[in-house]
Amino acid sequence: MTTATATNKQRYDSVFTSALELQPQDLTENLLYNSVKSWDSVGHMSMIAALETEFDIMMDTEDIIDFSSYYKGFEILAKYGVQIDFA
């Protein structure tokens, strides 16, 4: 979904839904690592790789391990200059 008109949140959500085979309504505060079948260790690394590609970043190992929820990702990506706005 990389387009000039897509917001960072739309891009972030697109990676989550695609990499973890989820629906947009699944992207809530209840979405945690291992809370859905697809977000296991393999799904996690697939999602991380897709986020790194989408936002042209390289996350530190510590951040990959700490990426434990949908919302925690906003905080982690901000460390790499990727701001996720809810507007």
C-alpha atoms as a PDB file:
ATOM      1  CA  MET A   1       0.000   0.000   0.000  1.00  0.00           C
ATOM      2  CA  THR A   2       2.931   2.317  -0.392  1.00  0.00           C
ATOM      3  CA  THR A   3       1.470   5.418  -1.984  1.00  0.00           C
ATOM      4  CA  ALA A   4       2.064   9.107  -1.541  1.00  0.00           C
ATOM      5  CA  THR A   5      -1.470   9.542  -0.222  1.00  0.00           C
ATOM      6  CA  ALA A   6      -1.456   6.713   2.333  1.00  0.00           C
ATOM      7  CA  THR A   7      -0.950   7.810   5.919  1.00  0.00           C
ATOM      8  CA  ASN A   8       1.581   6.020   8.085  1.00  0.00           C
ATOM      9  CA  LYS A   9      -1.322   4.507  10.040  1.00  0.00           C
ATOM     10  CA  GLN A  10      -2.879   3.152   6.852  1.00  0.00           C
ATOM     11  CA  ARG A  11       0.475   1.715   5.829  1.00  0.00           C
ATOM     12  CA  TYR A  12       1.011   0.228   9.314  1.00  0.00           C
ATOM     13  CA  ASP A  13      -2.473  -1.290   9.355  1.00  0.00           C
ATOM     14  CA  SER A  14      -1.977  -2.695   5.877  1.00  0.00           C
ATOM     15  CA  VAL A  15       1.210  -4.479   6.950  1.00  0.00           C
ATOM     16  CA  PHE A  16      -0.525  -5.951  10.003  1.00  0.00           C
ATOM     17  CA  THR A  17      -3.568  -7.182   8.100  1.00  0.00           C
ATOM     18  CA  SER A  18      -1.480  -8.593   5.258  1.00  0.00           C
ATOM     19  CA  ALA A  19       1.376 -10.182   7.215  1.00  0.00           C
ATOM     20  CA  LEU A  20      -0.842 -11.637   9.929  1.00  0.00           C
ATOM     21  CA  GLU A  21      -3.858 -12.379   7.705  1.00  0.00           C
ATOM     22  CA  LEU A  22      -6.183 -10.261   9.839  1.00  0.00           C
ATOM     23  CA  GLN A  23      -9.195  -8.058   9.205  1.00  0.00           C
ATOM     24  CA  PRO A  24      -9.076  -4.304   9.918  1.00  0.00           C
ATOM     25  CA  GLN A  25     -11.500  -4.740  12.827  1.00  0.00           C
ATOM     26  CA  ASP A  26      -8.927  -7.054  14.485  1.00  0.00           C
ATOM     27  CA  LEU A  27      -6.517  -4.128  14.971  1.00  0.00           C
ATOM     28  CA  THR A  28      -7.394  -3.197  18.550  1.00  0.00           C
ATOM     29  CA  GLU A  29      -5.740  -2.798  21.943  1.00  0.00           C
ATOM     30  CA  ASN A  30      -6.436  -6.510  22.446  1.00  0.00           C
ATOM     31  CA  LEU A  31      -4.141  -7.526  19.583  1.00  0.00           C
ATOM     32  CA  LEU A  32      -1.099  -8.924  21.345  1.00  0.00           C
ATOM     33  CA  TYR A  33       1.698 -11.267  20.338  1.00  0.00           C
ATOM     34  CA  ASN A  34       0.297 -14.824  20.403  1.00  0.00           C
ATOM     35  CA  SER A  35      -3.278 -13.541  20.905  1.00  0.00           C
ATOM     36  CA  VAL A  36      -4.153 -14.775  17.410  1.00  0.00           C
ATOM     37  CA  LYS A  37      -2.880 -17.921  15.713  1.00  0.00           C
ATOM     38  CA  SER A  38      -1.100 -16.026  12.938  1.00  0.00           C
ATOM     39  CA  TRP A  39       0.958 -13.875  15.338  1.00  0.00           C
ATOM     40  CA  ASP A  40       3.340 -16.588  16.398  1.00  0.00           C
ATOM     41  CA  SER A  41       7.128 -16.386  16.104  1.00  0.00           C
ATOM     42  CA  VAL A  42       7.071 -16.950  12.337  1.00  0.00           C
ATOM     43  CA  GLY A  43       4.252 -14.437  11.797  1.00  0.00           C
ATOM     44  CA  HIS A  44       6.076 -11.977  14.032  1.00  0.00           C
ATOM     45  CA  MET A  45       9.251 -12.058  11.958  1.00  0.00           C
ATOM     46  CA  SER A  46       7.254 -11.819   8.732  1.00  0.00           C
ATOM     47  CA  MET A  47       5.412  -8.769  10.056  1.00  0.00           C
ATOM     48  CA  ILE A  48       8.649  -7.156  11.294  1.00  0.00           C
ATOM     49  CA  ALA A  49      10.312  -7.690   7.904  1.00  0.00           C
ATOM     50  CA  ALA A  50       7.294  -6.182   6.149  1.00  0.00           C
ATOM     51  CA  LEU A  51       7.314  -3.142   8.463  1.00  0.00           C
ATOM     52  CA  GLU A  52      11.038  -2.633   7.903  1.00  0.00           C
ATOM     53  CA  THR A  53      10.487  -2.754   4.150  1.00  0.00           C
ATOM     54  CA  GLU A  54       7.389  -0.535   4.206  1.00  0.00           C
ATOM     55  CA  PHE A  55       9.023   2.181   6.300  1.00  0.00           C
ATOM     56  CA  ASP A  56      12.627   1.676   5.096  1.00  0.00           C
ATOM     57  CA  ILE A  57      13.989   1.081   8.587  1.00  0.00           C
ATOM     58  CA  MET A  58      16.044  -1.584  10.357  1.00  0.00           C
ATOM     59  CA  MET A  59      14.868  -2.381  13.876  1.00  0.00           C
ATOM     60  CA  ASP A  60      17.232  -3.375  16.647  1.00  0.00           C
ATOM     61  CA  THR A  61      16.856  -6.883  18.037  1.00  0.00           C
ATOM     62  CA  GLU A  62      15.652  -5.454  21.363  1.00  0.00           C
ATOM     63  CA  ASP A  63      12.837  -3.581  19.612  1.00  0.00           C
ATOM     64  CA  ILE A  64      11.823  -6.674  17.640  1.00  0.00           C
ATOM     65  CA  ILE A  65      11.514  -8.596  20.898  1.00  0.00           C
ATOM     66  CA  ASP A  66       9.649  -5.726  22.623  1.00  0.00           C
ATOM     67  CA  PHE A  67       7.152  -5.425  19.723  1.00  0.00           C
ATOM     68  CA  SER A  68       4.485  -7.253  21.709  1.00  0.00           C
ATOM     69  CA  SER A  69       1.254  -5.550  20.661  1.00  0.00           C
ATOM     70  CA  TYR A  70      -0.401  -3.558  17.916  1.00  0.00           C
ATOM     71  CA  TYR A  71      -0.156  -0.375  20.009  1.00  0.00           C
ATOM     72  CA  LYS A  72       3.402  -1.034  21.236  1.00  0.00           C
ATOM     73  CA  GLY A  73       4.417  -0.858  17.585  1.00  0.00           C
ATOM     74  CA  PHE A  74       3.489   2.846  17.429  1.00  0.00           C
ATOM     75  CA  GLU A  75       5.983   3.592  20.198  1.00  0.00           C
ATOM     76  CA  ILE A  76       8.715   1.451  18.665  1.00  0.00           C
ATOM     77  CA  LEU A  77       8.325   2.894  15.170  1.00  0.00           C
ATOM     78  CA  ALA A  78       8.476   6.427  16.593  1.00  0.00           C
ATOM     79  CA  LYS A  79      12.053   5.632  17.683  1.00  0.00           C
ATOM     80  CA  TYR A  80      12.855   5.247  13.983  1.00  0.00           C
ATOM     81  CA  GLY A  81      11.165   8.482  12.950  1.00  0.00           C
ATOM     82  CA  VAL A  82       7.883   6.892  11.875  1.00  0.00           C
ATOM     83  CA  GLN A  83       4.977   8.770  13.446  1.00  0.00           C
ATOM     84  CA  ILE A  84       1.592   7.032  13.494  1.00  0.00           C
ATOM     85  CA  ASP A  85      -1.272   9.526  13.759  1.00  0.00           C
ATOM     86  CA  PHE A  86      -4.803   8.488  14.620  1.00  0.00           C
ATOM     87  CA  ALA A  87      -6.467  11.302  12.656  1.00  0.00           C
END
